[in-house]
Structures are given as C-alpha cells and as structure tokens.
Amino acid sequence: MKKHGARYTPEEAEGRIPIVARRVALEAVDLVIALEKYPVTSHEIEHRVWSMVGLAGHLSRLCHVIWKYEGFERARHKDKV
C-alpha cells in the first residue's frame, strides 16, 4: 500500500481542528444521552462509540500535521544558528 503525504497544509489543519473537536464533544454528549436510553450492547451505542473513535483519529492526524511541521521548522532554524 502506497502512503501519501499529508492531506492538509498546517494552515488548513489548524482551521479544521476546532470544527472536529466540536464534533467530538457533540458526539460525546450524544453518547451520554443515548446511554440513558439504550443498553451498552446496542447498535446505537456502538455506532456512537465508533464515530467518536473515527473523529478522534481524524483530530489526532490534523494535530500531527501541525506538530510535524513545527518540528521541521524548529530543526531548520536550529541548523541555521
């Protein structure tokens, strides 16, 4: 399987982070509400948990784009000194 580079520039990733973080928070609230109505073993709960896992992974990848870029920038400036 061929790996590709980052899908987002650091600027694009930074703009998307608040949106994805908000979606994670809303999904967490939805999960808590659903737990009052459905058993943990239900499809409704499973769906919400997997949704949160996917969103958290996406958020992690967005942050990684920024952190990786910042690390490269720090290393580049350190080499020039």
C-alpha atoms as a PDB file:
ATOM      1  CA  MET A   1       0.000   0.000   0.000  1.00  0.00           C
ATOM      2  CA  LYS A   2       1.387   3.323  -1.046  1.00  0.00           C
ATOM      3  CA  LYS A   3       1.425   6.074   1.574  1.00  0.00           C
ATOM      4  CA  HIS A   4       0.764   9.634   0.565  1.00  0.00           C
ATOM      5  CA  GLY A   5       1.829  12.855   2.236  1.00  0.00           C
ATOM      6  CA  ALA A   6      -0.333  14.999   4.453  1.00  0.00           C
ATOM      7  CA  ARG A   7      -3.745  15.754   3.067  1.00  0.00           C
ATOM      8  CA  TYR A   8      -3.787  19.162   4.672  1.00  0.00           C
ATOM      9  CA  THR A   9      -1.368  22.016   4.948  1.00  0.00           C
ATOM     10  CA  PRO A  10      -0.657  23.137   8.513  1.00  0.00           C
ATOM     11  CA  GLU A  11      -2.910  26.165   7.945  1.00  0.00           C
ATOM     12  CA  GLU A  12      -5.778  24.003   6.682  1.00  0.00           C
ATOM     13  CA  ALA A  13      -5.343  21.552   9.559  1.00  0.00           C
ATOM     14  CA  GLU A  14      -5.334  24.366  12.112  1.00  0.00           C
ATOM     15  CA  GLY A  15      -8.608  25.669  10.707  1.00  0.00           C
ATOM     16  CA  ARG A  16     -10.243  22.248  10.865  1.00  0.00           C
ATOM     17  CA  ILE A  17      -9.166  21.342  14.417  1.00  0.00           C
ATOM     18  CA  PRO A  18     -11.842  23.419  16.219  1.00  0.00           C
ATOM     19  CA  ILE A  19     -14.543  22.005  13.953  1.00  0.00           C
ATOM     20  CA  VAL A  20     -13.519  18.390  14.529  1.00  0.00           C
ATOM     21  CA  ALA A  21     -13.021  18.973  18.278  1.00  0.00           C
ATOM     22  CA  ARG A  22     -16.537  20.388  18.482  1.00  0.00           C
ATOM     23  CA  ARG A  23     -17.883  17.327  16.663  1.00  0.00           C
ATOM     24  CA  VAL A  24     -16.086  15.042  19.137  1.00  0.00           C
ATOM     25  CA  ALA A  25     -17.654  16.947  22.030  1.00  0.00           C
ATOM     26  CA  LEU A  26     -21.129  16.810  20.498  1.00  0.00           C
ATOM     27  CA  GLU A  27     -20.768  13.105  19.797  1.00  0.00           C
ATOM     28  CA  ALA A  28     -19.706  12.550  23.421  1.00  0.00           C
ATOM     29  CA  VAL A  29     -22.798  14.377  24.665  1.00  0.00           C
ATOM     30  CA  ASP A  30     -24.950  12.353  22.291  1.00  0.00           C
ATOM     31  CA  LEU A  31     -23.362   9.152  23.629  1.00  0.00           C
ATOM     32  CA  VAL A  32     -24.102  10.104  27.238  1.00  0.00           C
ATOM     33  CA  ILE A  33     -27.732  10.845  26.351  1.00  0.00           C
ATOM     34  CA  ALA A  34     -28.026   7.578  24.399  1.00  0.00           C
ATOM     35  CA  LEU A  35     -26.637   5.623  27.363  1.00  0.00           C
ATOM     36  CA  GLU A  36     -29.674   6.731  29.371  1.00  0.00           C
ATOM     37  CA  LYS A  37     -31.970   5.157  26.782  1.00  0.00           C
ATOM     38  CA  TYR A  38     -30.075   2.201  25.262  1.00  0.00           C
ATOM     39  CA  PRO A  39     -28.018  -0.646  26.719  1.00  0.00           C
ATOM     40  CA  VAL A  40     -24.258  -0.543  26.214  1.00  0.00           C
ATOM     41  CA  THR A  41     -24.526  -3.593  23.942  1.00  0.00           C
ATOM     42  CA  SER A  42     -26.906  -1.864  21.499  1.00  0.00           C
ATOM     43  CA  HIS A  43     -26.118  -0.844  17.950  1.00  0.00           C
ATOM     44  CA  GLU A  44     -26.939   2.777  18.823  1.00  0.00           C
ATOM     45  CA  ILE A  45     -24.172   2.900  21.430  1.00  0.00           C
ATOM     46  CA  GLU A  46     -21.696   1.006  19.254  1.00  0.00           C
ATOM     47  CA  HIS A  47     -22.339   3.425  16.392  1.00  0.00           C
ATOM     48  CA  ARG A  48     -21.667   6.467  18.580  1.00  0.00           C
ATOM     49  CA  VAL A  49     -18.507   4.989  20.077  1.00  0.00           C
ATOM     50  CA  TRP A  50     -17.060   4.122  16.658  1.00  0.00           C
ATOM     51  CA  SER A  51     -17.985   7.573  15.418  1.00  0.00           C
ATOM     52  CA  MET A  52     -16.036   9.116  18.296  1.00  0.00           C
ATOM     53  CA  VAL A  53     -13.070   6.835  17.583  1.00  0.00           C
ATOM     54  CA  GLY A  54     -13.014   7.963  13.953  1.00  0.00           C
ATOM     55  CA  LEU A  55     -13.337  11.626  14.842  1.00  0.00           C
ATOM     56  CA  ALA A  56     -10.612  11.359  17.494  1.00  0.00           C
ATOM     57  CA  GLY A  57      -8.302   9.705  14.955  1.00  0.00           C
ATOM     58  CA  HIS A  58      -9.008  12.463  12.452  1.00  0.00           C
ATOM     59  CA  LEU A  59      -8.321  15.092  15.126  1.00  0.00           C
ATOM     60  CA  SER A  60      -5.061  13.351  16.001  1.00  0.00           C
ATOM     61  CA  ARG A  61      -3.958  13.335  12.363  1.00  0.00           C
ATOM     62  CA  LEU A  62      -4.774  17.029  11.981  1.00  0.00           C
ATOM     63  CA  CYS A  63      -2.715  17.852  15.070  1.00  0.00           C
ATOM     64  CA  HIS A  64       0.112  15.671  13.816  1.00  0.00           C
ATOM     65  CA  VAL A  65       0.307  17.702  10.594  1.00  0.00           C
ATOM     66  CA  ILE A  66       0.869  20.857  12.641  1.00  0.00           C
ATOM     67  CA  TRP A  67       3.241  19.302  15.184  1.00  0.00           C
ATOM     68  CA  LYS A  68       5.323  17.683  12.450  1.00  0.00           C
ATOM     69  CA  TYR A  69       5.585  20.957  10.542  1.00  0.00           C
ATOM     70  CA  GLU A  70       6.531  22.848  13.724  1.00  0.00           C
ATOM     71  CA  GLY A  71       9.215  20.254  14.471  1.00  0.00           C
ATOM     72  CA  PHE A  72      10.681  20.648  10.999  1.00  0.00           C
ATOM     73  CA  GLU A  73      10.654  24.423  11.360  1.00  0.00           C
ATOM     74  CA  ARG A  74      12.415  24.263  14.751  1.00  0.00           C
ATOM     75  CA  ALA A  75      15.030  21.879  13.372  1.00  0.00           C
ATOM     76  CA  ARG A  76      15.600  24.080  10.332  1.00  0.00           C
ATOM     77  CA  HIS A  77      16.106  27.190  12.472  1.00  0.00           C
ATOM     78  CA  LYS A  78      18.350  25.312  14.877  1.00  0.00           C
ATOM     79  CA  ASP A  79      20.607  24.235  11.985  1.00  0.00           C
ATOM     80  CA  LYS A  80      20.975  27.860  10.814  1.00  0.00           C
ATOM     81  CA  VAL A  81      22.209  29.086  14.215  1.00  0.00           C
END
